[in-house]
């Protein structure tokens, strides 16, 4: 009796396997496309001169009673050199 149901299960399992393989292939292709696209965008963004910007660090000192006091303020000038 189990012999007559075996080909149906085999067909169902084969179809499920094909669907899983197609799904994994689609995901791999999508991830590859995203990596290639991101690499090209990053390479295009690097073309040009270095980017200069400033960073300001402001410190706030918290006292034990909950009061806050403005602490020192530091300003740094930075030049990004992330070009290839």
N, C-alpha and C. Protein backbone atom coordinates (compact mmCIF):
# COMPACT_ATOMS: atom_id res chain seq x y z
N UNK A 1 0.82 -1.19 0.00
CA UNK A 1 0.00 0.00 0.00
C UNK A 1 0.86 1.26 0.00
N UNK A 2 1.97 1.24 0.73
CA UNK A 2 2.83 2.43 0.76
C UNK A 2 3.56 2.63 -0.56
N UNK A 3 3.65 1.57 -1.38
CA UNK A 3 4.36 1.66 -2.64
C UNK A 3 3.67 2.57 -3.64
N UNK A 4 2.35 2.63 -3.60
CA UNK A 4 1.67 3.46 -4.59
C UNK A 4 1.71 4.95 -4.23
N UNK A 5 2.01 5.31 -2.97
CA UNK A 5 2.12 6.71 -2.58
C UNK A 5 3.54 7.24 -2.70
N UNK A 6 4.50 6.34 -2.84
CA UNK A 6 5.89 6.75 -2.88
C UNK A 6 6.22 7.69 -4.04
N UNK A 7 5.78 7.43 -5.27
CA UNK A 7 6.11 8.37 -6.36
C UNK A 7 5.53 9.77 -6.13
N UNK A 8 4.37 9.88 -5.50
CA UNK A 8 3.81 11.21 -5.23
C UNK A 8 4.70 11.97 -4.25
N UNK A 9 5.16 11.30 -3.20
CA UNK A 9 6.04 11.95 -2.23
C UNK A 9 7.35 12.36 -2.87
N UNK A 10 7.85 11.49 -3.73
CA UNK A 10 9.10 11.78 -4.41
C UNK A 10 8.95 13.03 -5.29
N UNK A 11 7.84 13.13 -5.98
CA UNK A 11 7.59 14.30 -6.82
C UNK A 11 7.43 15.56 -5.97
N UNK A 12 6.72 15.45 -4.87
CA UNK A 12 6.52 16.61 -3.99
C UNK A 12 7.85 17.06 -3.39
N UNK A 13 8.66 16.12 -2.92
CA UNK A 13 9.96 16.47 -2.34
C UNK A 13 10.89 17.05 -3.39
N UNK A 14 10.86 16.52 -4.61
CA UNK A 14 11.69 17.06 -5.67
C UNK A 14 11.28 18.49 -6.00
N UNK A 15 9.97 18.74 -6.06
CA UNK A 15 9.47 20.09 -6.33
C UNK A 15 9.86 21.05 -5.19
N UNK A 16 9.75 20.59 -3.94
CA UNK A 16 10.13 21.43 -2.81
C UNK A 16 11.63 21.74 -2.86
N UNK A 17 12.44 20.76 -3.22
CA UNK A 17 13.88 20.97 -3.32
C UNK A 17 14.20 21.99 -4.41
N UNK A 18 13.53 21.90 -5.55
CA UNK A 18 13.75 22.85 -6.64
C UNK A 18 13.36 24.25 -6.20
N UNK A 19 12.25 24.39 -5.48
CA UNK A 19 11.82 25.71 -5.01
C UNK A 19 12.83 26.28 -4.03
N UNK A 20 13.36 25.46 -3.14
CA UNK A 20 14.36 25.93 -2.17
C UNK A 20 15.64 26.36 -2.89
N UNK A 21 16.08 25.59 -3.87
CA UNK A 21 17.29 25.94 -4.60
C UNK A 21 17.09 27.25 -5.36
N UNK A 22 15.93 27.43 -5.99
CA UNK A 22 15.66 28.67 -6.70
C UNK A 22 15.63 29.85 -5.73
N UNK A 23 15.03 29.66 -4.55
CA UNK A 23 14.99 30.73 -3.55
C UNK A 23 16.38 31.11 -3.05
N UNK A 24 17.20 30.13 -2.77
CA UNK A 24 18.57 30.41 -2.30
C UNK A 24 19.38 31.09 -3.40
N UNK A 25 19.19 30.65 -4.64
CA UNK A 25 19.90 31.30 -5.76
C UNK A 25 19.47 32.74 -5.93
N UNK A 26 18.19 33.00 -5.77
CA UNK A 26 17.70 34.38 -5.90
C UNK A 26 18.29 35.26 -4.80
N UNK A 27 18.33 34.76 -3.58
CA UNK A 27 18.91 35.54 -2.47
C UNK A 27 20.40 35.78 -2.70
N UNK A 28 21.12 34.78 -3.16
CA UNK A 28 22.56 34.95 -3.42
C UNK A 28 22.78 35.98 -4.52
N UNK A 29 21.97 35.93 -5.57
CA UNK A 29 22.09 36.92 -6.63
C UNK A 29 21.79 38.32 -6.14
N UNK A 30 20.78 38.44 -5.30
CA UNK A 30 20.42 39.75 -4.75
C UNK A 30 21.55 40.31 -3.90
N UNK A 31 22.13 39.47 -3.03
CA UNK A 31 23.23 39.94 -2.18
C UNK A 31 24.45 40.30 -3.01
N UNK A 32 24.75 39.51 -4.04
CA UNK A 32 25.87 39.84 -4.91
C UNK A 32 25.65 41.16 -5.62
N UNK A 33 24.44 41.37 -6.11
CA UNK A 33 24.12 42.62 -6.80
C UNK A 33 24.27 43.81 -5.85
N UNK A 34 23.81 43.66 -4.61
CA UNK A 34 23.92 44.76 -3.64
C UNK A 34 25.37 45.08 -3.34
N UNK A 35 26.22 44.05 -3.19
CA UNK A 35 27.64 44.29 -2.90
C UNK A 35 28.33 44.98 -4.07
N UNK A 36 28.05 44.54 -5.29
CA UNK A 36 28.68 45.15 -6.47
C UNK A 36 28.20 46.59 -6.62
N UNK A 37 26.91 46.81 -6.42
CA UNK A 37 26.34 48.16 -6.55
C UNK A 37 26.92 49.08 -5.48
N UNK A 38 27.04 48.60 -4.24
CA UNK A 38 27.59 49.43 -3.15
C UNK A 38 29.06 49.75 -3.41
N UNK A 39 29.79 48.80 -3.97
CA UNK A 39 31.21 49.02 -4.27
C UNK A 39 31.36 50.11 -5.33
N UNK A 40 30.50 50.09 -6.36
CA UNK A 40 30.58 51.10 -7.41
C UNK A 40 30.19 52.47 -6.89
N UNK A 41 29.20 52.55 -6.03
CA UNK A 41 28.78 53.83 -5.45
C UNK A 41 29.89 54.39 -4.56
N UNK A 42 30.51 53.53 -3.75
CA UNK A 42 31.59 53.98 -2.87
C UNK A 42 32.78 54.45 -3.68
N UNK A 43 33.09 53.75 -4.76
CA UNK A 43 34.21 54.15 -5.60
C UNK A 43 33.94 55.50 -6.26
N UNK A 44 32.70 55.74 -6.68
CA UNK A 44 32.34 57.01 -7.30
C UNK A 44 32.39 58.15 -6.28
N UNK A 45 32.06 57.85 -5.03
CA UNK A 45 32.06 58.88 -3.99
C UNK A 45 33.49 59.28 -3.61
N UNK A 46 34.45 58.38 -3.82
CA UNK A 46 35.83 58.67 -3.43
C UNK A 46 36.55 59.57 -4.42
N UNK A 47 36.03 59.70 -5.61
CA UNK A 47 36.69 60.52 -6.62
C UNK A 47 36.53 61.98 -6.24
N UNK A 48 37.62 62.70 -6.16
CA UNK A 48 37.57 64.12 -5.82
C UNK A 48 38.59 64.46 -4.76
N UNK A 49 38.43 65.62 -4.18
CA UNK A 49 39.38 66.10 -3.18
C UNK A 49 39.02 65.56 -1.80
N UNK A 50 39.98 65.61 -0.87
CA UNK A 50 39.69 65.20 0.51
C UNK A 50 38.61 66.10 1.12
N UNK A 51 37.84 65.52 2.01
CA UNK A 51 36.73 66.23 2.64
C UNK A 51 37.20 66.73 4.00
N UNK A 52 37.10 68.02 4.23
CA UNK A 52 37.49 68.56 5.53
C UNK A 52 36.23 68.90 6.32
N UNK A 53 36.27 68.64 7.61
CA UNK A 53 35.15 68.97 8.48
C UNK A 53 35.66 69.16 9.90
N UNK A 54 34.83 69.72 10.74
CA UNK A 54 35.21 69.92 12.14
C UNK A 54 34.30 69.11 13.04
N UNK A 55 34.87 68.71 14.17
CA UNK A 55 34.13 67.96 15.18
C UNK A 55 34.22 68.75 16.47
N UNK A 56 33.08 68.98 17.09
CA UNK A 56 33.04 69.69 18.36
C UNK A 56 32.59 68.73 19.45
N UNK A 57 33.40 68.61 20.50
CA UNK A 57 33.08 67.74 21.62
C UNK A 57 32.71 68.63 22.80
N UNK A 58 31.45 68.53 23.22
CA UNK A 58 30.99 69.29 24.39
C UNK A 58 30.72 68.31 25.52
N UNK A 59 31.31 68.58 26.66
CA UNK A 59 31.15 67.69 27.80
C UNK A 59 30.18 68.30 28.80
N UNK A 60 29.34 67.46 29.37
CA UNK A 60 28.43 67.87 30.43
C UNK A 60 28.78 67.05 31.67
N UNK A 61 29.05 67.73 32.77
CA UNK A 61 29.42 67.07 34.01
C UNK A 61 28.17 66.96 34.87
N UNK A 62 27.86 65.72 35.29
CA UNK A 62 26.69 65.47 36.14
C UNK A 62 27.16 65.31 37.58
N UNK A 63 26.62 66.13 38.46
CA UNK A 63 26.97 66.07 39.87
C UNK A 63 26.23 64.96 40.59
N UNK A 64 26.66 64.62 41.81
CA UNK A 64 26.01 63.54 42.56
C UNK A 64 24.57 63.89 42.98
N UNK A 65 24.26 65.18 43.04
CA UNK A 65 22.91 65.57 43.44
C UNK A 65 21.99 65.79 42.23
N UNK A 66 22.44 65.45 41.01
CA UNK A 66 21.61 65.56 39.83
C UNK A 66 21.79 66.85 39.05
N UNK A 67 22.64 67.76 39.53
CA UNK A 67 22.86 69.00 38.80
C UNK A 67 23.81 68.75 37.63
N UNK A 68 23.66 69.56 36.61
CA UNK A 68 24.54 69.46 35.45
C UNK A 68 25.32 70.75 35.28
N UNK A 69 26.56 70.60 34.89
CA UNK A 69 27.43 71.75 34.66
C UNK A 69 28.10 71.57 33.30
N UNK A 70 28.13 72.66 32.54
CA UNK A 70 28.80 72.59 31.24
C UNK A 70 30.29 72.43 31.46
N UNK A 71 30.84 71.41 30.83
CA UNK A 71 32.27 71.15 30.95
C UNK A 71 33.03 71.79 29.80
N UNK A 72 34.25 71.37 29.60
CA UNK A 72 35.06 71.97 28.54
C UNK A 72 34.53 71.60 27.15
N UNK A 73 34.88 72.43 26.19
CA UNK A 73 34.47 72.22 24.81
C UNK A 73 35.72 72.14 23.93
N UNK A 74 35.81 71.08 23.14
CA UNK A 74 36.97 70.87 22.28
C UNK A 74 36.52 70.90 20.82
N UNK A 75 37.30 71.52 19.96
CA UNK A 75 37.01 71.54 18.53
C UNK A 75 38.20 70.97 17.80
N UNK A 76 37.94 69.97 16.96
CA UNK A 76 38.99 69.31 16.19
C UNK A 76 38.72 69.55 14.71
N UNK A 77 39.76 69.86 13.97
CA UNK A 77 39.67 69.96 12.51
C UNK A 77 40.20 68.65 11.94
N UNK A 78 39.40 68.02 11.10
CA UNK A 78 39.74 66.70 10.58
C UNK A 78 39.65 66.73 9.06
N UNK A 79 40.56 66.04 8.40
CA UNK A 79 40.50 65.89 6.96
C UNK A 79 40.37 64.41 6.66
N UNK A 80 39.29 64.06 5.97
CA UNK A 80 39.08 62.67 5.61
C UNK A 80 39.90 62.33 4.38
N UNK A 81 40.65 61.26 4.46
CA UNK A 81 41.44 60.81 3.31
C UNK A 81 41.05 59.38 2.98
N UNK A 82 39.82 59.18 2.61
CA UNK A 82 39.35 57.84 2.29
C UNK A 82 39.33 57.59 0.80
N UNK A 83 40.15 58.32 0.08
CA UNK A 83 40.26 58.11 -1.36
C UNK A 83 41.20 56.95 -1.63
N UNK A 84 41.02 56.32 -2.77
CA UNK A 84 41.91 55.22 -3.14
C UNK A 84 43.13 55.72 -3.85
